[in-house]
Protein backbone atom coordinates (compact mmCIF):
# COMPACT_ATOMS: atom_id res chain seq x y z
CA UNK A 1 4.77 51.68 85.77
CA UNK A 2 2.56 48.75 86.80
CA UNK A 3 5.41 47.23 88.81
CA UNK A 4 6.04 50.59 90.49
CA UNK A 5 2.35 50.81 91.38
CA UNK A 6 2.43 47.30 92.83
CA UNK A 7 5.48 48.18 94.95
CA UNK A 8 3.74 51.34 96.20
CA UNK A 9 0.69 49.29 97.16
CA UNK A 10 2.87 46.81 99.03
CA UNK A 11 4.49 49.70 100.88
CA UNK A 12 1.05 51.04 101.80
CA UNK A 13 0.08 47.58 103.01
CA UNK A 14 3.07 47.49 105.35
CA UNK A 15 2.25 51.00 106.59
CA UNK A 16 -1.38 50.10 107.31
CA UNK A 17 -0.29 46.92 109.09
CA UNK A 18 1.82 48.98 111.48
CA UNK A 19 -0.92 51.60 111.90
CA UNK A 20 -3.60 49.01 112.62
CA UNK A 21 -1.42 47.08 115.03
CA UNK A 22 -0.38 50.20 116.94
CA UNK A 23 -3.98 51.45 117.01
CA UNK A 24 -5.15 48.18 118.55
CA UNK A 25 -2.34 48.31 121.14
CA UNK A 26 -3.32 51.84 122.08
CA UNK A 27 -6.95 50.86 122.57
CA UNK A 28 -5.94 47.86 124.65
CA UNK A 29 -3.94 50.14 126.96
CA UNK A 30 -1.71 47.26 127.98
CA UNK A 31 -4.62 44.80 128.48
CA UNK A 32 -4.58 42.59 125.39
CA UNK A 33 -7.32 40.41 126.87
CA UNK A 34 -9.75 43.29 126.33
CA UNK A 35 -9.35 42.93 122.56
CA UNK A 36 -11.45 40.48 120.62
CA UNK A 37 -8.54 39.93 118.18
CA UNK A 38 -4.81 40.21 118.66
CA UNK A 39 -3.20 43.44 117.35
CA UNK A 40 -1.56 41.61 114.46
CA UNK A 41 -4.97 40.63 113.08
CA UNK A 42 -6.06 44.27 113.06
CA UNK A 43 -2.97 45.16 111.05
CA UNK A 44 -3.49 42.19 108.74
CA UNK A 45 -7.10 43.21 108.09
CA UNK A 46 -6.05 46.73 107.11
CA UNK A 47 -3.27 45.38 104.89
CA UNK A 48 -5.53 42.95 103.06
CA UNK A 49 -8.26 45.51 102.50
CA UNK A 50 -5.98 48.25 101.20
CA UNK A 51 -3.66 46.14 99.05
CA UNK A 52 -6.40 44.01 97.48
CA UNK A 53 -8.48 47.08 96.63
CA UNK A 54 -5.52 48.78 95.02
CA UNK A 55 -4.62 45.67 93.04
CA UNK A 56 -8.18 45.25 91.78
CA UNK A 57 -8.20 48.85 90.52
CA UNK A 58 -4.75 48.37 89.00
CA UNK A 59 -5.67 45.19 87.14
CA UNK A 60 -8.99 46.61 85.93
CA UNK A 61 -7.35 49.73 84.49
CA UNK A 62 -4.45 47.76 83.02
CA UNK A 63 -6.88 45.52 81.16
CA UNK A 64 -9.59 47.96 80.08
CA UNK A 65 -7.78 51.22 79.35
CA UNK A 66 -5.29 49.94 76.71
CA UNK A 67 -8.21 48.51 74.73
CA UNK A 68 -9.92 51.90 74.80
CA UNK A 69 -6.75 53.62 73.58
CA UNK A 70 -6.33 51.08 70.80
CA UNK A 71 -9.90 51.59 69.59
CA UNK A 72 -9.45 55.37 69.59
CA UNK A 73 -6.25 55.16 67.58
CA UNK A 74 -7.71 52.69 65.11
CA UNK A 75 -10.64 55.04 64.60
CA UNK A 76 -8.19 57.87 63.90
CA UNK A 77 -6.34 55.69 61.36
CA UNK A 78 -9.64 54.74 59.70
CA UNK A 79 -10.57 58.42 59.39
CA UNK A 80 -7.21 59.27 57.84
CA UNK A 81 -7.12 56.33 55.41
CA UNK A 82 -10.58 54.75 55.16
CA UNK A 83 -9.65 52.54 52.19
CA UNK A 84 -7.15 50.43 54.16
CA UNK A 85 -8.00 46.91 55.24
CA UNK A 86 -8.22 46.07 58.92
CA UNK A 87 -4.90 44.21 58.90
CA UNK A 88 -3.16 47.23 57.35
CA UNK A 89 -4.65 49.52 59.99
CA UNK A 90 -3.36 47.18 62.69
CA UNK A 91 0.08 47.28 61.05
CA UNK A 92 0.10 51.09 61.15
CA UNK A 93 -0.86 50.99 64.82
CA UNK A 94 1.87 48.45 65.55
CA UNK A 95 4.46 50.62 63.82
CA UNK A 96 3.25 53.68 65.72
CA UNK A 97 3.57 51.87 69.04
CA UNK A 98 7.09 50.80 68.11
CA UNK A 99 8.00 54.38 67.25
CA UNK A 100 6.54 55.63 70.54
CA UNK A 101 8.53 53.04 72.50
CA UNK A 102 11.75 53.91 70.69
CA UNK A 103 11.94 50.70 68.67
CA UNK A 104 12.49 50.22 64.95
CA UNK A 105 9.33 50.32 62.81
CA UNK A 106 8.85 48.77 59.38
CA UNK A 107 7.75 52.13 57.92
CA UNK A 108 7.87 55.73 59.13
CA UNK A 109 5.49 58.32 57.70
CA UNK A 110 3.56 61.37 59.00
CA UNK A 111 0.48 59.30 59.92
CA UNK A 112 2.51 56.85 61.94
CA UNK A 113 4.37 59.64 63.69
CA UNK A 114 1.07 61.36 64.52
CA UNK A 115 -0.40 58.13 65.91
CA UNK A 116 2.84 57.49 67.82
CA UNK A 117 2.69 60.93 69.47
CA UNK A 118 -0.97 60.43 70.35
CA UNK A 119 -0.26 56.97 71.74
CA UNK A 120 2.64 58.24 73.85
CA UNK A 121 0.48 60.99 75.37
CA UNK A 122 -2.47 58.73 76.04
CA UNK A 123 -0.29 55.94 77.45
CA UNK A 124 1.54 58.32 79.78
CA UNK A 125 -1.79 59.66 81.01
CA UNK A 126 -3.02 56.08 81.51
CA UNK A 127 0.00 55.04 83.53
CA UNK A 128 -0.05 58.01 85.88
CA UNK A 129 -3.83 57.88 86.28
CA UNK A 130 -3.63 54.17 87.06
CA UNK A 131 -0.99 54.86 89.71
CA UNK A 132 -2.98 57.67 91.31
CA UNK A 133 -6.34 55.88 91.29
CA UNK A 134 -4.88 52.63 92.64
CA UNK A 135 -3.10 54.42 95.48
CA UNK A 136 -6.16 56.55 96.29
CA UNK A 137 -8.40 53.48 96.39
CA UNK A 138 -5.95 51.69 98.69
CA UNK A 139 -5.69 54.75 100.97
CA UNK A 140 -9.46 55.20 101.11
CA UNK A 141 -10.15 51.60 102.09
CA UNK A 142 -7.19 51.51 104.48
CA UNK A 143 -8.21 54.64 106.40
CA UNK A 144 -11.86 53.55 106.43
CA UNK A 145 -10.89 50.23 108.02
CA UNK A 146 -8.59 52.13 110.38
CA UNK A 147 -11.56 54.08 111.77
CA UNK A 148 -13.42 50.83 112.47
CA UNK A 149 -10.79 49.47 114.85
CA UNK A 150 -12.18 48.98 118.35
CA UNK A 151 -11.72 46.45 121.16
CA UNK A 152 -14.86 44.61 120.02
CA UNK A 153 -13.96 44.62 116.30
CA UNK A 154 -13.66 41.03 114.99
CA UNK A 155 -10.52 41.62 112.94
CA UNK A 156 -9.42 37.99 113.09
CA UNK A 157 -12.73 36.70 111.71
CA UNK A 158 -12.76 39.23 108.89
CA UNK A 159 -9.11 38.71 107.97
CA UNK A 160 -9.52 34.94 107.93
CA UNK A 161 -12.67 35.31 105.82
CA UNK A 162 -10.71 37.36 103.28
CA UNK A 163 -7.93 34.77 103.23
CA UNK A 164 -10.43 31.95 102.79
CA UNK A 165 -11.98 33.83 99.89
CA UNK A 166 -8.57 34.29 98.27
CA UNK A 167 -7.79 30.58 98.68
CA UNK A 168 -11.17 29.65 97.26
CA UNK A 169 -10.64 31.93 94.25
CA UNK A 170 -7.24 30.33 93.62
CA UNK A 171 -8.79 26.86 93.80
CA UNK A 172 -11.59 27.88 91.44
CA UNK A 173 -9.07 29.37 89.00
CA UNK A 174 -7.08 26.12 89.03
CA UNK A 175 -10.22 24.06 88.44
CA UNK A 176 -11.53 26.35 85.70
CA UNK A 177 -8.12 26.32 84.03
CA UNK A 178 -8.16 22.53 83.97
CA UNK A 179 -11.73 22.49 82.66
CA UNK A 180 -10.84 25.08 80.02
CA UNK A 181 -7.84 23.08 78.82
CA UNK A 182 -9.89 19.88 78.57
CA UNK A 183 -12.77 21.63 76.78
CA UNK A 184 -10.41 23.29 74.31
CA UNK A 185 -8.86 19.91 73.56
CA UNK A 186 -12.28 18.34 73.07
CA UNK A 187 -13.67 21.09 70.82
CA UNK A 188 -10.57 21.25 68.62
CA UNK A 189 -10.53 17.46 68.40
CA UNK A 190 -14.17 17.39 67.31
CA UNK A 191 -13.46 20.06 64.72
CA UNK A 192 -10.53 18.06 63.37
CA UNK A 193 -12.59 14.87 63.09
CA UNK A 194 -15.32 16.85 61.29
CA UNK A 195 -12.73 17.91 58.68
CA UNK A 196 -11.87 14.27 57.96
CA UNK A 197 -15.53 13.18 57.79
CA UNK A 198 -15.40 11.57 61.26
CA UNK A 199 -12.98 8.89 60.11
CA UNK A 200 -11.68 8.35 63.63
CA UNK A 201 -10.44 4.90 62.65
CA UNK A 202 -8.07 6.52 60.13
CA UNK A 203 -6.53 8.60 62.91
CA UNK A 204 -6.25 5.80 65.46
CA UNK A 205 -5.14 3.01 63.15
CA UNK A 206 -3.69 4.75 60.09
CA UNK A 207 0.02 4.39 59.41
CA UNK A 208 0.66 7.52 57.36
CA UNK A 209 1.08 10.88 59.09
CA UNK A 210 1.11 13.97 56.88
CA UNK A 211 -1.95 16.01 57.93
CA UNK A 212 -0.93 19.29 56.27
CA UNK A 213 0.03 17.89 52.87
CA UNK A 214 -3.34 18.73 51.28
CA UNK A 215 -4.55 21.75 53.24
CA UNK A 216 -3.82 24.09 50.32
CA UNK A 217 -6.88 22.66 48.60
CA UNK A 218 -9.05 23.40 51.62
CA UNK A 219 -9.53 19.74 52.54
CA UNK A 220 -7.69 17.33 54.82
CA UNK A 221 -7.01 13.83 53.50
CA UNK A 222 -8.23 11.18 56.00
CA UNK A 223 -5.63 8.75 54.65
CA UNK A 224 -2.78 11.02 55.80
CA UNK A 225 -3.71 11.51 59.46
CA UNK A 226 -2.73 8.11 60.82
CA UNK A 227 -1.12 8.64 64.23
CA UNK A 228 0.18 5.08 64.71
CA UNK A 229 3.80 6.02 63.77
CA UNK A 230 3.76 8.83 66.35
CA UNK A 231 2.47 6.72 69.21
CA UNK A 232 4.78 3.87 68.23
CA UNK A 233 7.76 6.22 68.37
CA UNK A 234 6.58 7.65 71.69
CA UNK A 235 6.15 4.16 73.13
CA UNK A 236 9.53 2.98 71.85
CA UNK A 237 11.51 5.93 73.23
CA UNK A 238 9.62 5.86 76.53
CA UNK A 239 10.26 2.12 76.89
CA UNK A 240 13.99 2.54 76.28
CA UNK A 241 14.13 5.45 78.71
CA UNK A 242 12.36 3.52 81.46
CA UNK A 243 14.55 0.44 80.89
CA UNK A 244 17.48 2.73 81.67
CA UNK A 245 15.97 4.87 84.41
CA UNK A 246 13.98 2.38 86.51
CA UNK A 247 16.69 -0.23 87.27
CA UNK A 248 19.46 2.32 87.80
CA UNK A 249 17.28 4.72 89.77
CA UNK A 250 15.70 2.01 91.93
CA UNK A 251 18.97 0.23 92.67
CA UNK A 252 20.62 3.56 93.48
CA UNK A 253 17.79 4.34 95.90
CA UNK A 254 18.10 0.93 97.57
CA UNK A 255 21.83 1.35 97.97
CA UNK A 256 21.61 4.88 99.36
CA UNK A 257 18.82 4.03 101.81
CA UNK A 258 19.92 0.65 103.19
CA UNK A 259 23.52 -0.08 102.26
CA UNK A 260 25.46 3.19 101.94
CA UNK A 261 27.15 4.76 104.94
CA UNK A 262 25.98 8.21 106.06
CA UNK A 263 29.16 9.72 104.67
CA UNK A 264 28.67 8.19 101.22
CA UNK A 265 24.99 9.12 101.21
CA UNK A 266 25.76 12.74 102.11
CA UNK A 267 27.65 13.30 98.85
CA UNK A 268 26.21 10.64 96.54
CA UNK A 269 22.56 11.72 96.80
CA UNK A 270 23.21 15.41 95.96
CA UNK A 271 25.48 14.41 93.09
CA UNK A 272 22.77 12.14 91.70
CA UNK A 273 20.12 14.84 91.98
CA UNK A 274 22.29 17.31 90.05
CA UNK A 275 21.12 15.46 86.93
CA UNK A 276 17.63 16.85 87.52
CA UNK A 277 18.95 20.40 87.20
CA UNK A 278 20.60 19.96 83.81
CA UNK A 279 18.55 21.69 81.05
CA UNK A 280 16.97 19.33 78.55
CA UNK A 281 18.67 21.12 75.66
CA UNK A 282 22.01 20.10 77.16
CA UNK A 283 20.84 16.50 77.23
CA UNK A 284 19.79 16.93 73.60
CA UNK A 285 23.26 18.16 72.59
CA UNK A 286 24.84 15.35 74.55
CA UNK A 287 22.63 12.83 72.76
CA UNK A 288 23.20 14.29 69.30
CA UNK A 289 26.94 14.97 69.56
CA UNK A 290 28.20 12.19 71.85
CA UNK A 291 25.75 9.31 72.32
CA UNK A 292 24.35 9.07 68.77
CA UNK A 293 27.80 8.96 67.06
CA UNK A 294 28.98 6.41 69.62
CA UNK A 295 25.97 4.17 68.99
CA UNK A 296 26.37 4.56 65.23
CA UNK A 297 30.06 3.75 65.39
CA UNK A 298 29.48 0.75 67.63
CA UNK A 299 26.72 -0.53 65.37
CA UNK A 300 28.84 -0.19 62.26
CA UNK A 301 31.68 -2.05 63.98
CA UNK A 302 29.24 -4.89 64.65
CA UNK A 303 27.91 -4.81 61.09
CA UNK A 304 24.60 -3.16 61.98
CA UNK A 305 22.93 -0.35 60.09
CA UNK A 306 22.36 2.52 62.51
CA UNK A 307 20.75 5.81 61.52
CA UNK A 308 22.43 9.08 62.43
CA UNK A 309 19.35 9.84 64.54
CA UNK A 310 17.96 6.86 66.42
CA UNK A 311 15.39 6.02 69.07
CA UNK A 312 18.10 4.27 71.07
CA UNK A 313 20.20 7.41 71.46
CA UNK A 314 17.23 9.51 72.50
CA UNK A 315 15.88 6.84 74.84
CA UNK A 316 19.20 6.24 76.61
CA UNK A 317 19.84 9.92 77.23
CA UNK A 318 16.23 10.46 78.28
CA UNK A 319 16.60 7.59 80.73
CA UNK A 320 19.69 9.25 82.20
CA UNK A 321 17.66 12.44 82.62
CA UNK A 322 14.86 10.57 84.44
CA UNK A 323 17.16 8.68 86.85
CA UNK A 324 17.08 11.37 89.59
CA UNK A 325 13.27 11.50 89.51
CA UNK A 326 12.99 7.76 90.10
CA UNK A 327 15.87 7.47 92.56
CA UNK A 328 15.00 10.48 94.71
CA UNK A 329 11.32 9.60 95.11
CA UNK A 330 12.08 5.90 95.63
CA UNK A 331 14.72 6.77 98.22
CA UNK A 332 12.25 8.91 100.17
CA UNK A 333 9.62 6.18 100.06
CA UNK A 334 12.04 3.44 101.14
CA UNK A 335 13.28 5.56 104.03
CA UNK A 336 9.66 6.07 105.10
CA UNK A 337 9.20 2.33 105.68
CA UNK A 338 9.08 1.85 109.49
CA UNK A 339 12.29 0.55 111.01
CA UNK A 340 10.21 -1.90 113.05
CA UNK A 341 9.51 -3.90 109.88
CA UNK A 342 13.22 -4.20 109.21
CA UNK A 343 13.94 -5.13 112.84
CA UNK A 344 11.25 -7.82 112.76
CA UNK A 345 12.76 -9.31 109.61
CA UNK A 346 16.24 -9.28 111.13
CA UNK A 347 14.86 -10.92 114.26
CA UNK A 348 13.54 -13.79 112.14
CA UNK A 349 17.04 -14.37 110.78
CA UNK A 350 16.71 -12.66 107.38
CA UNK A 351 19.73 -11.00 105.85
CA UNK A 352 19.74 -7.36 104.80
CA UNK A 353 19.28 -8.28 101.14
CA UNK A 354 16.36 -10.59 101.98
CA UNK A 355 14.80 -7.88 104.14
CA UNK A 356 15.03 -5.35 101.33
CA UNK A 357 13.62 -7.79 98.76
CA UNK A 358 10.81 -9.33 100.81
CA UNK A 359 9.85 -6.60 103.29
CA UNK A 360 11.05 -3.12 102.33
CA UNK A 361 10.29 -3.14 98.60
CA UNK A 362 6.75 -4.59 98.95
CA UNK A 363 5.98 -2.01 101.64
CA UNK A 364 7.35 0.82 99.48
CA UNK A 365 5.73 -0.44 96.28
CA UNK A 366 2.99 2.26 96.11
CA UNK A 367 5.58 5.03 96.25
CA UNK A 368 7.84 3.27 93.77
CA UNK A 369 4.93 2.93 91.34
CA UNK A 370 4.28 6.66 91.71
CA UNK A 371 7.95 7.39 90.99
CA UNK A 372 7.90 5.21 87.88
CA UNK A 373 4.66 6.86 86.73
CA UNK A 374 6.24 10.29 87.14
CA UNK A 375 9.19 9.10 85.09
CA UNK A 376 6.89 7.83 82.33
CA UNK A 377 5.03 11.14 82.25
CA UNK A 378 8.35 12.97 82.03
CA UNK A 379 9.47 10.76 79.17
CA UNK A 380 6.20 11.06 77.25
CA UNK A 381 6.26 14.86 77.47
CA UNK A 382 9.92 15.35 76.52
CA UNK A 383 10.51 17.13 73.22
CA UNK A 384 13.99 18.63 72.94
CA UNK A 385 15.95 15.38 73.25
CA UNK A 386 13.74 13.67 70.66
CA UNK A 387 14.08 16.54 68.17
CA UNK A 388 17.87 16.57 68.43
CA UNK A 389 18.58 12.84 68.73
CA UNK A 390 15.67 10.83 67.29
CA UNK A 391 14.52 12.87 64.31
CA UNK A 392 11.25 14.38 63.16
CA UNK A 393 10.04 11.96 60.51
CA UNK A 394 6.94 9.85 61.20
CA UNK A 395 8.61 6.47 60.69
CA UNK A 396 6.62 3.38 61.69
CA UNK A 397 9.17 0.99 63.16
CA UNK A 398 10.06 -0.81 66.36
CA UNK A 399 13.75 -0.90 65.48
CA UNK A 400 15.55 1.26 68.08
CA UNK A 401 18.39 1.87 65.62
CA UNK A 402 16.18 3.84 63.22
CA UNK A 403 14.92 7.41 63.39
CA UNK A 404 11.45 7.96 64.87
CA UNK A 405 9.39 10.85 66.20
CA UNK A 406 6.97 11.36 69.08
CA UNK A 407 3.61 12.99 69.66
CA UNK A 408 5.03 16.03 71.42
CA UNK A 409 7.53 16.72 68.63
CA UNK A 410 4.78 16.67 66.02
CA UNK A 411 2.63 19.01 68.12
CA UNK A 412 5.49 21.51 68.25
CA UNK A 413 6.12 21.18 64.50
CA UNK A 414 2.45 21.77 63.70
CA UNK A 415 2.05 24.80 65.94
CA UNK A 416 5.35 26.48 65.01
CA UNK A 417 5.18 25.80 61.26
CA UNK A 418 4.23 28.17 58.46
CA UNK A 419 0.67 26.87 58.20
CA UNK A 420 -2.11 29.04 59.61
CA UNK A 421 -2.81 28.37 63.25
CA UNK A 422 -6.49 27.52 62.80
CA UNK A 423 -5.55 24.81 60.27
CA UNK A 424 -2.65 23.28 62.22
CA UNK A 425 -4.44 23.50 65.57
CA UNK A 426 -6.80 20.63 64.73
CA UNK A 427 -4.20 17.87 64.33
CA UNK A 428 -2.07 19.28 67.15
CA UNK A 429 -4.93 19.44 69.66
CA UNK A 430 -6.15 16.00 68.61
CA UNK A 431 -2.74 14.54 69.32
CA UNK A 432 -2.70 16.33 72.65
CA UNK A 433 -6.16 15.05 73.57
CA UNK A 434 -5.22 11.48 72.67
CA UNK A 435 -2.05 11.74 74.73
CA UNK A 436 -4.10 13.20 77.58
CA UNK A 437 -6.45 10.19 77.49
CA UNK A 438 -3.54 7.73 77.48
CA UNK A 439 -1.87 9.49 80.41
CA UNK A 440 -5.17 9.56 82.31
CA UNK A 441 -5.56 5.83 81.76
CA UNK A 442 -2.04 5.22 83.08
CA UNK A 443 -2.87 7.30 86.16
CA UNK A 444 -6.02 5.27 86.82
CA UNK A 445 -4.13 1.99 86.53
CA UNK A 446 -1.35 3.25 88.80
CA UNK A 447 -3.83 4.47 91.42
CA UNK A 448 -5.49 1.07 91.47
CA UNK A 449 -2.14 -0.63 92.01
CA UNK A 450 -1.21 1.83 94.76
CA UNK A 451 -4.58 1.42 96.50
CA UNK A 452 -4.38 -2.36 96.41
CA UNK A 453 -0.92 -2.65 97.96
CA UNK A 454 -1.38 0.26 100.35
CA UNK A 455 -4.31 -1.54 101.97
CA UNK A 456 -2.09 -4.61 102.30
CA UNK A 457 0.98 -3.03 103.90
CA UNK A 458 -0.18 0.11 105.76
């Protein structure tokens, strides 16, 4: 019903746009210069006022009214069975909602059926009332703004003020979301360190990772929260991935931008970028079923001991996945280098290869660094390929032929495990905060490199 209400409000917005525009044209009587604002701004002002008012009413009722209904039904359940615990009352309510929606409930009894009937009636009333009130609010504001239309009405100023307010709200939401994420990471990290008696050194330099092994006793062992194996595995897989992605992606970009013919470029570049559209789970299957057995078979033929899940398999496939990110961005940056720099190099007698090496690449270095940084961020945050091809055990090793794990994999395992969320959240958020700090440091270093060379070549 909410989507139907939104569609009705959009239809009203279109109607008020036409009404406002036609009203302004009628008042102009063919002389648009007599209007302070063009007719389209009058229609836009009516549309913004009516639609935004209706959406505000819709959102407010959608948020507040279900909570009221839930409290009323829980009170009815408490009256019927006062000896039940809160979690059991919530279970009865959940079953009643499932019955009302036509789904399968864990238990069906007279109380649940009564609550289901009451919920269905109240929810139907809520939906229709929400629709009516939202539409009435939109109509009221729309017709009120319609009566204010006149040749002197500053519709453009008011419409632009509304749009600026919307843009400002969106910017504030984005900023507050970022601040909220960072604060949640910080608070959960502080709580985790408090549980291990502020032994931060154990987390940063410890070599044993098993944070949930002793939580049944109510305490967390500081000797089992060492994150070095996780960051070592993350570094190893990321390094292998970038050793694959950066040379291939950069050389492909150089070829496509300076050496390939337009015909070759027209089909090669789209084919290369298709790799970016392949789901990561497909890369994971490819790594686990094709690449890992091939590496293991090759290693055994050479007399090497290769694990069934290895950092090399995950890193190679991850590098293949990152190639289009590096190549596409590098290609755009190289093509943005002014042709006059190339012509000047050719005029001095340099060959095309010398021009690319000594002129084009230094000029495009800031963009190339940004492309590589994006690739590193993509590799650090990848989870599916690591789970399927590199393993989940916290193994401290730099041998690419052994199984390792990464920070992101351990975060997923902690959050999705059987342990209570408030217990597992501490280690997971601490890993996330540490990874956030490392990524921020990489960004700062990259920005310094970009700023230095941009001042030199711009």
